[in-house]
Amino acid sequence: MNLSQVKVFQIKGDLRKGGENLPFHKEIRAVKKEDALQTLYAEMGSKHKARRFEIKVRSIEEVSTESQEQSLEQASSESEES
């Protein structure tokens, strides 16, 4: 696998637990959208004991490298301020 093929996907959706819809957004590194979705299901199941039918995905978008760099710069500047 070539590292230049790895992309970052932003996934937004709702987690239905206890009769409530809990909104979430998560950025996941993967080669394809399908791989990112599988990783999301695995992580949400592991951390929140959520089954696949409890996770409703609203959108999956590829994050551009420019916006990744901007968010990294913003995060580093925020950590320097604290």
C-alpha atoms as a PDB file:
ATOM      1  CA  MET A   1       0.000   0.000   0.000  1.00  0.00           C
ATOM      2  CA  ASN A   2       1.335   3.370  -1.004  1.00  0.00           C
ATOM      3  CA  LEU A   3       0.973   6.083   1.638  1.00  0.00           C
ATOM      4  CA  SER A   4       0.031   8.605  -1.023  1.00  0.00           C
ATOM      5  CA  GLN A   5      -3.174   6.595  -1.532  1.00  0.00           C
ATOM      6  CA  VAL A   6      -4.284   6.961   2.084  1.00  0.00           C
ATOM      7  CA  LYS A   7      -6.961   9.642   2.444  1.00  0.00           C
ATOM      8  CA  VAL A   8      -8.838  11.177   5.333  1.00  0.00           C
ATOM      9  CA  PHE A   9     -12.618  10.832   5.336  1.00  0.00           C
ATOM     10  CA  GLN A  10     -14.973  12.840   7.510  1.00  0.00           C
ATOM     11  CA  ILE A  11     -18.014  10.833   8.536  1.00  0.00           C
ATOM     12  CA  LYS A  12     -21.085  12.468  10.084  1.00  0.00           C
ATOM     13  CA  GLY A  13     -24.082  10.690  11.492  1.00  0.00           C
ATOM     14  CA  ASP A  14     -26.150   9.708  14.500  1.00  0.00           C
ATOM     15  CA  LEU A  15     -25.683   7.006  17.102  1.00  0.00           C
ATOM     16  CA  ARG A  16     -28.969   5.689  18.467  1.00  0.00           C
ATOM     17  CA  LYS A  17     -28.512   4.556  22.058  1.00  0.00           C
ATOM     18  CA  GLY A  18     -31.153   4.378  24.768  1.00  0.00           C
ATOM     19  CA  GLY A  19     -33.821   5.908  22.529  1.00  0.00           C
ATOM     20  CA  GLU A  20     -31.704   9.010  21.875  1.00  0.00           C
ATOM     21  CA  ASN A  21     -29.972  10.097  18.686  1.00  0.00           C
ATOM     22  CA  LEU A  22     -26.479  11.261  19.537  1.00  0.00           C
ATOM     23  CA  PRO A  23     -24.848  13.183  16.661  1.00  0.00           C
ATOM     24  CA  PHE A  24     -21.201  12.488  15.867  1.00  0.00           C
ATOM     25  CA  HIS A  25     -18.512  13.409  13.367  1.00  0.00           C
ATOM     26  CA  LYS A  26     -15.279  11.530  13.009  1.00  0.00           C
ATOM     27  CA  GLU A  27     -12.221  11.734  10.762  1.00  0.00           C
ATOM     28  CA  ILE A  28     -10.817   8.375   9.710  1.00  0.00           C
ATOM     29  CA  ARG A  29      -7.766   7.532   7.592  1.00  0.00           C
ATOM     30  CA  ALA A  30      -8.427   4.925   4.908  1.00  0.00           C
ATOM     31  CA  VAL A  31      -7.780   4.079   1.280  1.00  0.00           C
ATOM     32  CA  LYS A  32     -11.465   3.880   0.257  1.00  0.00           C
ATOM     33  CA  LYS A  33     -14.805   5.099   1.615  1.00  0.00           C
ATOM     34  CA  GLU A  34     -15.833   1.514   2.293  1.00  0.00           C
ATOM     35  CA  ASP A  35     -12.743   0.951   4.445  1.00  0.00           C
ATOM     36  CA  ALA A  36     -13.437   4.143   6.392  1.00  0.00           C
ATOM     37  CA  LEU A  37     -17.002   2.993   7.028  1.00  0.00           C
ATOM     38  CA  GLN A  38     -15.830  -0.417   8.289  1.00  0.00           C
ATOM     39  CA  THR A  39     -13.342   1.310  10.610  1.00  0.00           C
ATOM     40  CA  LEU A  40     -16.116   3.573  11.921  1.00  0.00           C
ATOM     41  CA  TYR A  41     -18.349   0.585  12.697  1.00  0.00           C
ATOM     42  CA  ALA A  42     -15.471  -1.183  14.456  1.00  0.00           C
ATOM     43  CA  GLU A  43     -14.489   1.854  16.559  1.00  0.00           C
ATOM     44  CA  MET A  44     -18.054   2.788  17.511  1.00  0.00           C
ATOM     45  CA  GLY A  45     -18.780  -0.821  18.414  1.00  0.00           C
ATOM     46  CA  SER A  46     -15.649  -1.063  20.498  1.00  0.00           C
ATOM     47  CA  LYS A  47     -15.941   2.254  22.336  1.00  0.00           C
ATOM     48  CA  HIS A  48     -19.724   2.591  22.653  1.00  0.00           C
ATOM     49  CA  LYS A  49     -20.965  -1.009  22.300  1.00  0.00           C
ATOM     50  CA  ALA A  50     -22.993   0.136  19.291  1.00  0.00           C
ATOM     51  CA  ARG A  51     -24.289  -2.319  16.744  1.00  0.00           C
ATOM     52  CA  ARG A  52     -24.319  -1.454  13.059  1.00  0.00           C
ATOM     53  CA  PHE A  53     -28.077  -0.863  12.936  1.00  0.00           C
ATOM     54  CA  GLU A  54     -27.685   1.740  15.714  1.00  0.00           C
ATOM     55  CA  ILE A  55     -25.275   3.819  13.612  1.00  0.00           C
ATOM     56  CA  LYS A  56     -26.869   6.022  10.946  1.00  0.00           C
ATOM     57  CA  VAL A  57     -24.348   7.614   8.587  1.00  0.00           C
ATOM     58  CA  ARG A  58     -25.515  10.920   7.079  1.00  0.00           C
ATOM     59  CA  SER A  59     -22.441  11.757   5.003  1.00  0.00           C
ATOM     60  CA  ILE A  60     -18.962  10.579   4.090  1.00  0.00           C
ATOM     61  CA  GLU A  61     -16.674  13.176   2.545  1.00  0.00           C
ATOM     62  CA  GLU A  62     -13.031  13.073   1.602  1.00  0.00           C
ATOM     63  CA  VAL A  63     -11.112  15.794   3.423  1.00  0.00           C
ATOM     64  CA  SER A  64      -8.720  17.710   1.195  1.00  0.00           C
ATOM     65  CA  THR A  65      -5.061  17.860   2.189  1.00  0.00           C
ATOM     66  CA  GLU A  66      -5.254  21.658   2.407  1.00  0.00           C
ATOM     67  CA  SER A  67      -8.009  21.578   5.022  1.00  0.00           C
ATOM     68  CA  GLN A  68      -6.100  18.857   6.920  1.00  0.00           C
ATOM     69  CA  GLU A  69      -3.069  21.129   7.129  1.00  0.00           C
ATOM     70  CA  GLN A  70      -5.228  24.060   8.266  1.00  0.00           C
ATOM     71  CA  SER A  71      -6.849  22.026  11.045  1.00  0.00           C
ATOM     72  CA  LEU A  72      -3.429  20.781  12.183  1.00  0.00           C
ATOM     73  CA  GLU A  73      -2.103  24.341  12.297  1.00  0.00           C
ATOM     74  CA  GLN A  74      -5.175  25.491  14.207  1.00  0.00           C
ATOM     75  CA  ALA A  75      -4.868  22.642  16.720  1.00  0.00           C
ATOM     76  CA  SER A  76      -1.186  23.326  17.307  1.00  0.00           C
ATOM     77  CA  SER A  77      -1.781  27.048  17.813  1.00  0.00           C
ATOM     78  CA  GLU A  78      -4.583  26.324  20.296  1.00  0.00           C
ATOM     79  CA  SER A  79      -2.360  23.965  22.293  1.00  0.00           C
ATOM     80  CA  GLU A  80       0.419  26.580  22.394  1.00  0.00           C
ATOM     81  CA  GLU A  81      -2.005  29.157  23.833  1.00  0.00           C
ATOM     82  CA  SER A  82      -2.993  26.938  26.767  1.00  0.00           C
END
